[in-house]
Amino acid sequence: MPALDQRPVPARTSPVDGPPIDSPPVNTVPATGATIWLTGLPSAGKSTIALAAAGRLRAAGRRVEVLDGDTVRTHLCADLGFSRADRDENVRRIGHVAHLLARNGVLVLVAVVSPYAGARAAVRAEHSSTGTPFVEVHVTTPTEVCGDRDVKGLYARQRAGELRGLTGVDDPYEAPAAPELRLPAHQQTAAASVASLHAALTGWGLA
């Protein structure tokens, strides 16, 4: 992650003979934007972690936005289905919005299944083109645990034959090979996952 330049802004004088104009106070909260991309199976815990982490970061004075896959599907991507092409386009749109926010100083927490490695790599490349930090976080909860949680009833519908193309069951999920962080959300509490994420962001100078 790029080092942050937090040197004080020097005082400047007015163009006429007058007193110096005071320097603005130095903000100790990092101003660098970044996209934190949480990927994982449905019901892995991505949204829970992202929302809780966002609350903690906002409380510390950070500018934060959460882009949740379900919410984005309702608004920005309502025209898309669940074919591979549509899933990739969904990720592309979310990634573009995240990039726009991040390069303007916002810390963006994205919580979306994003099953295909190529689509995630394309989002990373867009961020790299402007030097904007991109952090891939794999929430590693396995299929059997996600199926037991079944927050939205998707796994039950798939077992009943009412749903096809469920990621991780009868549609592929390409797990990240080398994410910046892995969160075993099935082996620890949500609070512990949030703490791990926050600690990592702090270490990278992003929290």
N, C-alpha and C. Protein backbone atom coordinates (compact mmCIF):
# COMPACT_ATOMS: atom_id res chain seq x y z
N MET A 1 0.82 -1.18 0.00
CA MET A 1 0.00 0.00 0.00
C MET A 1 0.87 1.25 0.00
N PRO A 2 0.45 2.30 -0.71
CA PRO A 2 1.29 3.49 -0.76
C PRO A 2 1.38 4.17 0.58
N ALA A 3 2.55 4.73 0.88
CA ALA A 3 2.71 5.48 2.12
C ALA A 3 1.93 6.77 2.04
N LEU A 4 1.41 7.18 3.18
CA LEU A 4 0.61 8.40 3.23
C LEU A 4 1.48 9.59 3.57
N ASP A 5 1.27 10.70 2.90
CA ASP A 5 1.99 11.93 3.19
C ASP A 5 1.11 12.79 4.07
N GLN A 6 1.46 12.89 5.36
CA GLN A 6 0.65 13.66 6.30
C GLN A 6 1.42 14.87 6.82
N ARG A 7 2.34 15.41 6.00
CA ARG A 7 3.07 16.59 6.43
C ARG A 7 2.13 17.77 6.57
N PRO A 8 2.32 18.64 7.57
CA PRO A 8 1.46 19.81 7.75
C PRO A 8 1.54 20.73 6.54
N VAL A 9 0.39 21.36 6.23
CA VAL A 9 0.37 22.35 5.16
C VAL A 9 1.00 23.62 5.68
N PRO A 10 2.04 24.18 5.02
CA PRO A 10 2.69 25.37 5.55
C PRO A 10 1.79 26.58 5.53
N ALA A 11 2.00 27.49 6.48
CA ALA A 11 1.23 28.73 6.51
C ALA A 11 1.57 29.56 5.28
N ARG A 12 0.59 30.28 4.75
CA ARG A 12 0.85 31.15 3.62
C ARG A 12 0.40 32.56 3.97
N THR A 13 1.00 33.52 3.36
CA THR A 13 0.63 34.90 3.63
C THR A 13 -0.31 35.40 2.56
N SER A 14 -1.09 36.43 2.88
CA SER A 14 -1.99 37.02 1.91
C SER A 14 -1.19 37.82 0.90
N PRO A 15 -1.73 38.10 -0.28
CA PRO A 15 -0.97 38.82 -1.30
C PRO A 15 -0.68 40.27 -0.93
N VAL A 16 -1.35 40.79 0.07
CA VAL A 16 -1.09 42.15 0.54
C VAL A 16 -0.44 42.06 1.90
N ASP A 17 0.01 43.22 2.44
CA ASP A 17 0.67 43.22 3.73
C ASP A 17 -0.35 42.97 4.83
N GLY A 18 -0.52 41.77 5.19
CA GLY A 18 -1.46 41.40 6.23
C GLY A 18 -0.91 40.24 7.03
N PRO A 19 -1.63 39.83 8.05
CA PRO A 19 -1.16 38.72 8.87
C PRO A 19 -1.19 37.42 8.10
N PRO A 20 -0.37 36.47 8.49
CA PRO A 20 -0.40 35.15 7.82
C PRO A 20 -1.76 34.50 7.95
N ILE A 21 -2.12 33.76 6.93
CA ILE A 21 -3.35 32.97 6.97
C ILE A 21 -3.01 31.66 7.65
N ASP A 22 -3.75 31.34 8.70
CA ASP A 22 -3.43 30.15 9.47
C ASP A 22 -3.53 28.90 8.61
N SER A 23 -2.64 27.97 8.87
CA SER A 23 -2.73 26.67 8.22
C SER A 23 -3.95 25.92 8.74
N PRO A 24 -4.60 25.13 7.88
CA PRO A 24 -5.70 24.30 8.36
C PRO A 24 -5.17 23.25 9.32
N PRO A 25 -5.99 22.81 10.26
CA PRO A 25 -5.52 21.78 11.19
C PRO A 25 -5.17 20.51 10.44
N VAL A 26 -4.15 19.83 10.90
CA VAL A 26 -3.74 18.58 10.27
C VAL A 26 -4.70 17.48 10.69
N ASN A 27 -5.27 16.80 9.72
CA ASN A 27 -6.20 15.71 10.00
C ASN A 27 -5.41 14.43 10.20
N THR A 28 -5.56 13.80 11.34
CA THR A 28 -4.80 12.58 11.62
C THR A 28 -5.47 11.35 11.03
N VAL A 29 -6.68 11.49 10.47
CA VAL A 29 -7.36 10.37 9.83
C VAL A 29 -6.86 10.25 8.39
N PRO A 30 -6.42 9.08 7.94
CA PRO A 30 -5.91 8.94 6.57
C PRO A 30 -6.94 9.40 5.55
N ALA A 31 -6.47 10.13 4.55
CA ALA A 31 -7.36 10.63 3.50
C ALA A 31 -7.31 9.77 2.25
N THR A 32 -6.45 8.77 2.22
CA THR A 32 -6.32 7.91 1.05
C THR A 32 -7.57 7.05 0.88
N GLY A 33 -8.14 7.09 -0.31
CA GLY A 33 -9.26 6.22 -0.61
C GLY A 33 -8.77 4.84 -1.01
N ALA A 34 -9.65 3.86 -0.93
CA ALA A 34 -9.31 2.50 -1.32
C ALA A 34 -10.59 1.70 -1.46
N THR A 35 -10.52 0.63 -2.24
CA THR A 35 -11.62 -0.31 -2.33
C THR A 35 -11.25 -1.59 -1.59
N ILE A 36 -12.10 -1.96 -0.66
CA ILE A 36 -11.93 -3.21 0.09
C ILE A 36 -13.01 -4.17 -0.44
N TRP A 37 -12.58 -5.16 -1.19
CA TRP A 37 -13.51 -6.02 -1.94
C TRP A 37 -13.67 -7.35 -1.22
N LEU A 38 -14.83 -7.53 -0.57
CA LEU A 38 -15.12 -8.78 0.14
C LEU A 38 -15.85 -9.73 -0.79
N THR A 39 -15.22 -10.84 -1.09
CA THR A 39 -15.81 -11.86 -1.96
C THR A 39 -15.98 -13.16 -1.17
N GLY A 40 -16.97 -13.93 -1.56
CA GLY A 40 -17.24 -15.19 -0.90
C GLY A 40 -18.60 -15.71 -1.31
N LEU A 41 -18.93 -16.90 -0.85
CA LEU A 41 -20.20 -17.54 -1.22
C LEU A 41 -21.40 -16.79 -0.63
N PRO A 42 -22.60 -17.03 -1.18
CA PRO A 42 -23.80 -16.47 -0.55
C PRO A 42 -23.92 -16.93 0.90
N SER A 43 -24.24 -16.02 1.80
CA SER A 43 -24.38 -16.28 3.24
C SER A 43 -23.04 -16.52 3.94
N ALA A 44 -21.93 -16.12 3.30
CA ALA A 44 -20.62 -16.29 3.92
C ALA A 44 -20.39 -15.31 5.07
N GLY A 45 -21.11 -14.17 5.05
CA GLY A 45 -20.93 -13.16 6.08
C GLY A 45 -20.34 -11.86 5.58
N LYS A 46 -20.26 -11.69 4.27
CA LYS A 46 -19.63 -10.51 3.67
C LYS A 46 -20.30 -9.22 4.09
N SER A 47 -21.61 -9.15 3.95
CA SER A 47 -22.34 -7.91 4.25
C SER A 47 -22.27 -7.58 5.73
N THR A 48 -22.41 -8.59 6.57
CA THR A 48 -22.34 -8.37 8.02
C THR A 48 -21.01 -7.74 8.40
N ILE A 49 -19.93 -8.29 7.86
CA ILE A 49 -18.59 -7.78 8.16
C ILE A 49 -18.42 -6.37 7.60
N ALA A 50 -18.84 -6.16 6.36
CA ALA A 50 -18.67 -4.85 5.72
C ALA A 50 -19.42 -3.75 6.48
N LEU A 51 -20.66 -4.02 6.85
CA LEU A 51 -21.46 -3.00 7.54
C LEU A 51 -20.89 -2.67 8.92
N ALA A 52 -20.48 -3.71 9.65
CA ALA A 52 -19.91 -3.47 10.98
C ALA A 52 -18.57 -2.74 10.88
N ALA A 53 -17.76 -3.11 9.91
CA ALA A 53 -16.47 -2.44 9.72
C ALA A 53 -16.68 -0.98 9.33
N ALA A 54 -17.68 -0.73 8.48
CA ALA A 54 -17.96 0.64 8.06
C ALA A 54 -18.36 1.51 9.26
N GLY A 55 -19.18 0.95 10.15
CA GLY A 55 -19.57 1.70 11.34
C GLY A 55 -18.38 2.06 12.20
N ARG A 56 -17.47 1.14 12.36
CA ARG A 56 -16.28 1.40 13.17
C ARG A 56 -15.40 2.47 12.53
N LEU A 57 -15.25 2.41 11.21
CA LEU A 57 -14.42 3.37 10.50
C LEU A 57 -15.05 4.77 10.51
N ARG A 58 -16.37 4.83 10.35
CA ARG A 58 -17.05 6.13 10.40
C ARG A 58 -16.91 6.77 11.78
N ALA A 59 -16.99 5.95 12.80
CA ALA A 59 -16.86 6.47 14.17
C ALA A 59 -15.49 7.09 14.40
N ALA A 60 -14.50 6.64 13.63
CA ALA A 60 -13.15 7.19 13.74
C ALA A 60 -12.93 8.37 12.80
N GLY A 61 -13.98 8.78 12.08
CA GLY A 61 -13.88 9.95 11.22
C GLY A 61 -13.57 9.66 9.77
N ARG A 62 -13.63 8.39 9.38
CA ARG A 62 -13.29 8.00 7.99
C ARG A 62 -14.49 8.18 7.09
N ARG A 63 -14.26 8.63 5.87
CA ARG A 63 -15.31 8.69 4.85
C ARG A 63 -15.46 7.30 4.26
N VAL A 64 -16.65 6.70 4.43
CA VAL A 64 -16.86 5.30 4.07
C VAL A 64 -18.17 5.15 3.31
N GLU A 65 -18.15 4.28 2.31
CA GLU A 65 -19.38 3.84 1.65
C GLU A 65 -19.36 2.32 1.56
N VAL A 66 -20.54 1.73 1.67
CA VAL A 66 -20.70 0.28 1.50
C VAL A 66 -21.49 0.03 0.22
N LEU A 67 -20.94 -0.79 -0.65
CA LEU A 67 -21.66 -1.23 -1.84
C LEU A 67 -22.00 -2.70 -1.65
N ASP A 68 -23.26 -2.96 -1.32
CA ASP A 68 -23.71 -4.32 -1.05
C ASP A 68 -24.32 -4.92 -2.31
N GLY A 69 -23.96 -6.15 -2.60
CA GLY A 69 -24.39 -6.77 -3.83
C GLY A 69 -25.90 -6.79 -4.02
N ASP A 70 -26.65 -7.10 -2.99
CA ASP A 70 -28.11 -7.14 -3.11
C ASP A 70 -28.70 -5.76 -3.39
N THR A 71 -28.20 -4.75 -2.71
CA THR A 71 -28.69 -3.39 -2.91
C THR A 71 -28.37 -2.90 -4.31
N VAL A 72 -27.16 -3.17 -4.76
CA VAL A 72 -26.77 -2.74 -6.10
C VAL A 72 -27.60 -3.45 -7.16
N ARG A 73 -27.90 -4.72 -6.93
CA ARG A 73 -28.76 -5.46 -7.87
C ARG A 73 -30.12 -4.80 -8.02
N THR A 74 -30.62 -4.23 -6.94
CA THR A 74 -31.95 -3.61 -6.95
C THR A 74 -31.95 -2.30 -7.72
N HIS A 75 -30.85 -1.58 -7.70
CA HIS A 75 -30.81 -0.23 -8.27
C HIS A 75 -29.94 -0.18 -9.53
N LEU A 76 -28.64 -0.28 -9.38
CA LEU A 76 -27.72 -0.08 -10.50
C LEU A 76 -27.78 -1.21 -11.52
N CYS A 77 -28.07 -2.43 -11.08
CA CYS A 77 -27.97 -3.60 -11.96
C CYS A 77 -29.28 -4.37 -12.07
N ALA A 78 -30.39 -3.67 -11.96
CA ALA A 78 -31.69 -4.34 -11.99
C ALA A 78 -31.97 -5.00 -13.34
N ASP A 79 -31.25 -4.59 -14.37
CA ASP A 79 -31.48 -5.14 -15.71
C ASP A 79 -30.70 -6.42 -15.96
N LEU A 80 -29.89 -6.84 -15.00
CA LEU A 80 -29.02 -7.99 -15.22
C LEU A 80 -29.60 -9.26 -14.63
N GLY A 81 -29.28 -10.37 -15.26
CA GLY A 81 -29.66 -11.68 -14.74
C GLY A 81 -28.47 -12.34 -14.07
N PHE A 82 -28.39 -13.68 -14.19
CA PHE A 82 -27.34 -14.42 -13.50
C PHE A 82 -26.54 -15.34 -14.43
N SER A 83 -26.54 -14.99 -15.72
CA SER A 83 -25.63 -15.68 -16.64
C SER A 83 -24.21 -15.25 -16.30
N ARG A 84 -23.25 -15.96 -16.85
CA ARG A 84 -21.85 -15.56 -16.58
C ARG A 84 -21.59 -14.14 -17.06
N ALA A 85 -22.09 -13.81 -18.26
CA ALA A 85 -21.87 -12.46 -18.80
C ALA A 85 -22.51 -11.40 -17.90
N ASP A 86 -23.71 -11.69 -17.40
CA ASP A 86 -24.38 -10.71 -16.54
C ASP A 86 -23.69 -10.60 -15.18
N ARG A 87 -23.22 -11.71 -14.65
CA ARG A 87 -22.49 -11.64 -13.38
C ARG A 87 -21.21 -10.80 -13.54
N ASP A 88 -20.52 -11.01 -14.66
CA ASP A 88 -19.31 -10.23 -14.90
C ASP A 88 -19.64 -8.74 -15.06
N GLU A 89 -20.73 -8.44 -15.75
CA GLU A 89 -21.13 -7.04 -15.92
C GLU A 89 -21.52 -6.42 -14.58
N ASN A 90 -22.18 -7.19 -13.74
CA ASN A 90 -22.52 -6.72 -12.40
C ASN A 90 -21.26 -6.31 -11.63
N VAL A 91 -20.25 -7.16 -11.67
CA VAL A 91 -18.99 -6.87 -10.99
C VAL A 91 -18.30 -5.67 -11.62
N ARG A 92 -18.34 -5.58 -12.95
CA ARG A 92 -17.70 -4.45 -13.62
C ARG A 92 -18.32 -3.13 -13.18
N ARG A 93 -19.66 -3.08 -13.12
CA ARG A 93 -20.34 -1.83 -12.73
C ARG A 93 -20.02 -1.47 -11.28
N ILE A 94 -20.11 -2.45 -10.41
CA ILE A 94 -19.81 -2.18 -9.00
C ILE A 94 -18.36 -1.71 -8.86
N GLY A 95 -17.46 -2.39 -9.56
CA GLY A 95 -16.06 -2.03 -9.50
C GLY A 95 -15.79 -0.62 -9.99
N HIS A 96 -16.49 -0.21 -11.04
CA HIS A 96 -16.29 1.13 -11.58
C HIS A 96 -16.76 2.19 -10.59
N VAL A 97 -17.92 1.98 -9.99
CA VAL A 97 -18.42 2.93 -8.99
C VAL A 97 -17.46 2.99 -7.79
N ALA A 98 -17.01 1.82 -7.35
CA ALA A 98 -16.07 1.78 -6.23
C ALA A 98 -14.80 2.55 -6.57
N HIS A 99 -14.31 2.38 -7.78
CA HIS A 99 -13.09 3.08 -8.20
C HIS A 99 -13.29 4.59 -8.20
N LEU A 100 -14.42 5.06 -8.70
CA LEU A 100 -14.69 6.49 -8.72
C LEU A 100 -14.68 7.07 -7.31
N LEU A 101 -15.31 6.35 -6.38
CA LEU A 101 -15.34 6.82 -5.00
C LEU A 101 -13.95 6.76 -4.36
N ALA A 102 -13.28 5.64 -4.55
CA ALA A 102 -11.99 5.42 -3.88
C ALA A 102 -10.94 6.42 -4.33
N ARG A 103 -10.92 6.72 -5.61
CA ARG A 103 -9.88 7.64 -6.09
C ARG A 103 -10.16 9.07 -5.66
N ASN A 104 -11.33 9.30 -5.08
CA ASN A 104 -11.67 10.61 -4.53
C ASN A 104 -11.68 10.60 -3.00
N GLY A 105 -10.94 9.67 -2.42
CA GLY A 105 -10.69 9.71 -0.98
C GLY A 105 -11.66 8.95 -0.11
N VAL A 106 -12.57 8.19 -0.71
CA VAL A 106 -13.54 7.42 0.07
C VAL A 106 -13.02 5.99 0.25
N LEU A 107 -13.21 5.46 1.45
CA LEU A 107 -12.91 4.05 1.69
C LEU A 107 -14.18 3.26 1.38
N VAL A 108 -14.12 2.42 0.36
CA VAL A 108 -15.29 1.71 -0.15
C VAL A 108 -15.21 0.25 0.25
N LEU A 109 -16.23 -0.21 0.94
CA LEU A 109 -16.34 -1.61 1.31
C LEU A 109 -17.37 -2.27 0.40
N VAL A 110 -16.90 -3.18 -0.43
CA VAL A 110 -17.77 -3.88 -1.38
C VAL A 110 -18.04 -5.28 -0.85
N ALA A 111 -19.30 -5.65 -0.78
CA ALA A 111 -19.68 -7.00 -0.34
C ALA A 111 -20.50 -7.64 -1.46
N VAL A 112 -19.85 -8.47 -2.25
CA VAL A 112 -20.53 -9.06 -3.40
C VAL A 112 -19.88 -10.42 -3.69
N VAL A 113 -20.69 -11.40 -4.07
CA VAL A 113 -20.17 -12.75 -4.32
C VAL A 113 -19.02 -12.72 -5.32
N SER A 114 -19.22 -12.05 -6.45
CA SER A 114 -18.19 -11.91 -7.51
C SER A 114 -17.46 -13.23 -7.74
N PRO A 115 -18.14 -14.21 -8.37
CA PRO A 115 -17.60 -15.58 -8.38
C PRO A 115 -16.42 -15.82 -9.30
N TYR A 116 -16.19 -14.95 -10.29
CA TYR A 116 -15.19 -15.25 -11.30
C TYR A 116 -13.93 -14.42 -11.12
N ALA A 117 -12.80 -15.11 -11.10
CA ALA A 117 -11.51 -14.46 -10.85
C ALA A 117 -11.18 -13.41 -11.90
N GLY A 118 -11.54 -13.67 -13.15
CA GLY A 118 -11.23 -12.73 -14.22
C GLY A 118 -11.92 -11.39 -14.03
N ALA A 119 -13.16 -11.42 -13.59
CA ALA A 119 -13.89 -10.17 -13.37
C ALA A 119 -13.29 -9.39 -12.22
N ARG A 120 -12.90 -10.09 -11.16
CA ARG A 120 -12.26 -9.40 -10.03
C ARG A 120 -10.91 -8.82 -10.44
N ALA A 121 -10.17 -9.56 -11.28
CA ALA A 121 -8.88 -9.06 -11.75
C ALA A 121 -9.05 -7.80 -12.60
N ALA A 122 -10.12 -7.74 -13.37
CA ALA A 122 -10.37 -6.55 -14.19
C ALA A 122 -10.64 -5.33 -13.32
N VAL A 123 -11.37 -5.54 -12.22
CA VAL A 123 -11.61 -4.43 -11.30
C VAL A 123 -10.31 -3.97 -10.66
N ARG A 124 -9.49 -4.91 -10.26
CA ARG A 124 -8.18 -4.56 -9.69
C ARG A 124 -7.36 -3.75 -10.71
N ALA A 125 -7.38 -4.17 -11.97
CA ALA A 125 -6.61 -3.48 -13.00
C ALA A 125 -7.10 -2.05 -13.20
N GLU A 126 -8.42 -1.85 -13.14
CA GLU A 126 -8.94 -0.48 -13.26
C GLU A 126 -8.41 0.40 -12.13
N HIS A 127 -8.40 -0.13 -10.92
CA HIS A 127 -7.85 0.63 -9.79
C HIS A 127 -6.35 0.90 -9.99
N SER A 128 -5.63 -0.10 -10.44
CA SER A 128 -4.19 0.05 -10.63
C SER A 128 -3.86 1.13 -11.65
N SER A 129 -4.76 1.33 -12.62
CA SER A 129 -4.50 2.31 -13.68
C SER A 129 -4.38 3.72 -13.14
N THR A 130 -4.95 3.99 -11.96
CA THR A 130 -4.85 5.32 -11.36
C THR A 130 -4.11 5.29 -10.03
N GLY A 131 -3.50 4.15 -9.72
CA GLY A 131 -2.77 4.04 -8.45
C GLY A 131 -3.67 4.01 -7.24
N THR A 132 -4.91 3.59 -7.42
CA THR A 132 -5.87 3.54 -6.31
C THR A 132 -5.79 2.18 -5.62
N PRO A 133 -5.60 2.14 -4.31
CA PRO A 133 -5.47 0.85 -3.62
C PRO A 133 -6.70 -0.03 -3.77
N PHE A 134 -6.47 -1.30 -4.00
CA PHE A 134 -7.52 -2.31 -4.10
C PHE A 134 -7.11 -3.48 -3.22
N VAL A 135 -7.97 -3.84 -2.30
CA VAL A 135 -7.69 -4.92 -1.34
C VAL A 135 -8.74 -6.01 -1.51
N GLU A 136 -8.30 -7.20 -1.86
CA GLU A 136 -9.23 -8.32 -2.00
C GLU A 136 -9.26 -9.10 -0.68
N VAL A 137 -10.46 -9.28 -0.15
CA VAL A 137 -10.66 -9.99 1.10
C VAL A 137 -11.57 -11.20 0.81
N HIS A 138 -11.05 -12.39 1.06
CA HIS A 138 -11.84 -13.60 0.84
C HIS A 138 -12.47 -14.04 2.15
N VAL A 139 -13.78 -14.00 2.21
CA VAL A 139 -14.52 -14.53 3.36
C VAL A 139 -14.73 -16.01 3.07
N THR A 140 -14.02 -16.86 3.80
CA THR A 140 -13.81 -18.24 3.37
C THR A 140 -14.84 -19.25 3.88
N THR A 141 -15.96 -18.80 4.39
CA THR A 141 -16.99 -19.70 4.90
C THR A 141 -17.35 -20.75 3.84
N PRO A 142 -17.26 -22.05 4.15
CA PRO A 142 -17.51 -23.09 3.14
C PRO A 142 -18.99 -23.29 2.85
N THR A 143 -19.24 -24.00 1.77
CA THR A 143 -20.61 -24.19 1.28
C THR A 143 -21.53 -24.79 2.33
N GLU A 144 -21.06 -25.80 3.05
CA GLU A 144 -21.94 -26.49 4.00
C GLU A 144 -22.38 -25.55 5.14
N VAL A 145 -21.49 -24.67 5.57
CA VAL A 145 -21.86 -23.72 6.63
C VAL A 145 -22.79 -22.66 6.07
N CYS A 146 -22.50 -22.17 4.87
CA CYS A 146 -23.39 -21.19 4.23
C CYS A 146 -24.78 -21.78 4.04
N GLY A 147 -24.83 -23.07 3.66
CA GLY A 147 -26.13 -23.71 3.48
C GLY A 147 -26.91 -23.82 4.77
N ASP A 148 -26.22 -24.02 5.89
CA ASP A 148 -26.90 -24.06 7.19
C ASP A 148 -27.40 -22.68 7.59
N ARG A 149 -26.60 -21.65 7.32
CA ARG A 149 -27.03 -20.28 7.64
C ARG A 149 -28.20 -19.87 6.75
N ASP A 150 -28.01 -20.01 5.45
CA ASP A 150 -29.05 -19.77 4.43
C ASP A 150 -29.86 -18.51 4.73
N VAL A 151 -29.17 -17.38 4.84
CA VAL A 151 -29.80 -16.13 5.26
C VAL A 151 -30.98 -15.75 4.38
N LYS A 152 -30.86 -16.00 3.08
CA LYS A 152 -31.91 -15.57 2.14
C LYS A 152 -32.76 -16.73 1.63
N GLY A 153 -32.53 -17.93 2.14
CA GLY A 153 -33.31 -19.08 1.70
C GLY A 153 -32.91 -19.62 0.35
N LEU A 154 -31.75 -19.21 -0.17
CA LEU A 154 -31.34 -19.63 -1.51
C LEU A 154 -30.99 -21.11 -1.56
N TYR A 155 -30.31 -21.60 -0.54
CA TYR A 155 -29.88 -23.00 -0.53
C TYR A 155 -31.09 -23.93 -0.42
N ALA A 156 -32.07 -23.52 0.38
CA ALA A 156 -33.30 -24.32 0.50
C ALA A 156 -34.04 -24.37 -0.83
N ARG A 157 -34.09 -23.26 -1.52
CA ARG A 157 -34.75 -23.22 -2.82
C ARG A 157 -34.01 -24.08 -3.83
N GLN A 158 -32.69 -24.08 -3.76
CA GLN A 158 -31.91 -24.90 -4.68
C GLN A 158 -32.15 -26.38 -4.43
N ARG A 159 -32.18 -26.76 -3.13
CA ARG A 159 -32.43 -28.17 -2.78
C ARG A 159 -33.83 -28.60 -3.20
N ALA A 160 -34.77 -27.67 -3.20
CA ALA A 160 -36.15 -27.99 -3.58
C ALA A 160 -36.36 -27.97 -5.09
N GLY A 161 -35.32 -27.64 -5.83
CA GLY A 161 -35.43 -27.59 -7.29
C GLY A 161 -36.05 -26.32 -7.81
N GLU A 162 -36.18 -25.32 -6.95
CA GLU A 162 -36.80 -24.05 -7.35
C GLU A 162 -35.78 -23.04 -7.88
N LEU A 163 -34.51 -23.34 -7.73
CA LEU A 163 -33.46 -22.38 -8.10
C LEU A 163 -32.29 -23.13 -8.72
N ARG A 164 -31.82 -22.62 -9.83
CA ARG A 164 -30.63 -23.19 -10.47
C ARG A 164 -29.57 -22.09 -10.58
N GLY A 165 -28.30 -22.51 -10.65
CA GLY A 165 -27.22 -21.56 -10.81
C GLY A 165 -26.81 -20.89 -9.52
N LEU A 166 -26.89 -21.63 -8.40
CA LEU A 166 -26.48 -21.07 -7.12
C LEU A 166 -24.97 -21.20 -6.98
N THR A 167 -24.32 -20.10 -6.80
CA THR A 167 -22.86 -20.08 -6.72
C THR A 167 -22.35 -20.98 -5.60
N GLY A 168 -21.41 -21.83 -5.94
CA GLY A 168 -20.82 -22.75 -4.98
C GLY A 168 -21.53 -24.08 -4.89
N VAL A 169 -22.70 -24.18 -5.51
CA VAL A 169 -23.46 -25.44 -5.49
C VAL A 169 -23.54 -26.01 -6.90
N ASP A 170 -24.30 -25.35 -7.78
CA ASP A 170 -24.37 -25.80 -9.16
C ASP A 170 -23.92 -24.72 -10.14
N ASP A 171 -23.18 -23.75 -9.64
CA ASP A 171 -22.52 -22.75 -10.46
C ASP A 171 -21.16 -22.48 -9.80
N PRO A 172 -20.11 -22.26 -10.59
CA PRO A 172 -18.76 -22.21 -10.00
C PRO A 172 -18.50 -20.96 -9.17
N TYR A 173 -17.63 -21.15 -8.18
CA TYR A 173 -17.03 -20.03 -7.46
C TYR A 173 -15.53 -20.20 -7.52
N GLU A 174 -14.85 -19.22 -8.12
CA GLU A 174 -13.40 -19.27 -8.27
C GLU A 174 -12.77 -18.49 -7.12
N ALA A 175 -12.35 -19.23 -6.11
CA ALA A 175 -11.79 -18.59 -4.91
C ALA A 175 -10.51 -17.85 -5.25
N PRO A 176 -10.26 -16.72 -4.61
CA PRO A 176 -9.01 -15.98 -4.87
C PRO A 176 -7.80 -16.83 -4.53
N ALA A 177 -6.81 -16.78 -5.41
CA ALA A 177 -5.58 -17.54 -5.19
C ALA A 177 -4.66 -16.85 -4.19
N ALA A 178 -4.65 -15.51 -4.23
CA ALA A 178 -3.73 -14.77 -3.37
C ALA A 178 -4.37 -13.46 -2.92
N PRO A 179 -5.45 -13.54 -2.13
CA PRO A 179 -6.06 -12.30 -1.64
C PRO A 179 -5.16 -11.61 -0.62
N GLU A 180 -5.37 -10.34 -0.42
CA GLU A 180 -4.59 -9.63 0.60
C GLU A 180 -4.95 -10.11 2.01
N LEU A 181 -6.17 -10.61 2.18
CA LEU A 181 -6.62 -11.07 3.51
C LEU A 181 -7.65 -12.16 3.35
N ARG A 182 -7.57 -13.17 4.22
CA ARG A 182 -8.62 -14.19 4.31
C ARG A 182 -9.27 -14.10 5.67
N LEU A 183 -10.59 -14.15 5.69
CA LEU A 183 -11.35 -14.11 6.93
C LEU A 183 -12.14 -15.40 7.08
N PRO A 184 -11.76 -16.28 8.00
CA PRO A 184 -12.51 -17.53 8.23
C PRO A 184 -13.74 -17.24 9.10
N ALA A 185 -14.75 -16.65 8.51
CA ALA A 185 -15.89 -16.19 9.29
C ALA A 185 -16.69 -17.32 9.91
N HIS A 186 -16.46 -18.55 9.47
CA HIS A 186 -17.13 -19.71 10.05
C HIS A 186 -16.43 -20.22 11.31
N GLN A 187 -15.24 -19.70 11.56
CA GLN A 187 -14.45 -20.15 12.71
C GLN A 187 -14.30 -19.08 13.78
N GLN A 188 -14.90 -17.93 13.58
CA GLN A 188 -14.78 -16.85 14.55
C GLN A 188 -16.04 -15.99 14.49
N THR A 189 -16.23 -15.17 15.49
CA THR A 189 -17.40 -14.30 15.52
C THR A 189 -17.27 -13.21 14.47
N ALA A 190 -18.40 -12.58 14.16
CA ALA A 190 -18.38 -11.46 13.23
C ALA A 190 -17.51 -10.34 13.78
N ALA A 191 -17.58 -10.11 15.10
CA ALA A 191 -16.76 -9.08 15.72
C ALA A 191 -15.27 -9.36 15.54
N ALA A 192 -14.88 -10.62 15.64
CA ALA A 192 -13.48 -10.98 15.44
C ALA A 192 -13.06 -10.77 13.99
N SER A 193 -13.94 -11.07 13.05
CA SER A 193 -13.62 -10.83 11.64
C SER A 193 -13.45 -9.34 11.37
N VAL A 194 -14.34 -8.54 11.95
CA VAL A 194 -14.24 -7.08 11.79
C VAL A 194 -12.94 -6.57 12.39
N ALA A 195 -12.58 -7.10 13.55
CA ALA A 195 -11.34 -6.68 14.21
C ALA A 195 -10.12 -7.04 13.34
N SER A 196 -10.15 -8.22 12.73
CA SER A 196 -9.03 -8.63 11.87
C SER A 196 -8.93 -7.72 10.65
N LEU A 197 -10.07 -7.39 10.06
CA LEU A 197 -10.08 -6.51 8.91
C LEU A 197 -9.57 -5.12 9.29
N HIS A 198 -10.06 -4.60 10.41
CA HIS A 198 -9.65 -3.27 10.85
C HIS A 198 -8.15 -3.24 11.14
N ALA A 199 -7.64 -4.28 11.76
CA ALA A 199 -6.21 -4.34 12.06
C ALA A 199 -5.39 -4.34 10.77
N ALA A 200 -5.84 -5.07 9.77
CA ALA A 200 -5.13 -5.11 8.49
C ALA A 200 -5.16 -3.74 7.82
N LEU A 201 -6.33 -3.09 7.81
CA LEU A 201 -6.43 -1.76 7.21
C LEU A 201 -5.53 -0.76 7.93
N THR A 202 -5.48 -0.88 9.24
CA THR A 202 -4.60 0.00 10.02
C THR A 202 -3.14 -0.23 9.63
N GLY A 203 -2.76 -1.48 9.48
CA GLY A 203 -1.39 -1.79 9.10
C GLY A 203 -1.03 -1.27 7.72
N TRP A 204 -2.01 -1.19 6.84
CA TRP A 204 -1.78 -0.66 5.49
C TRP A 204 -1.93 0.86 5.42
N GLY A 205 -2.24 1.49 6.54
CA GLY A 205 -2.42 2.95 6.56
C GLY A 205 -3.74 3.40 5.97
N LEU A 206 -4.75 2.55 6.02
CA LEU A 206 -6.05 2.87 5.40
C LEU A 206 -7.16 3.07 6.41
N ALA A 207 -6.91 2.87 7.70
CA ALA A 207 -7.95 3.02 8.73
C ALA A 207 -7.59 4.18 9.65
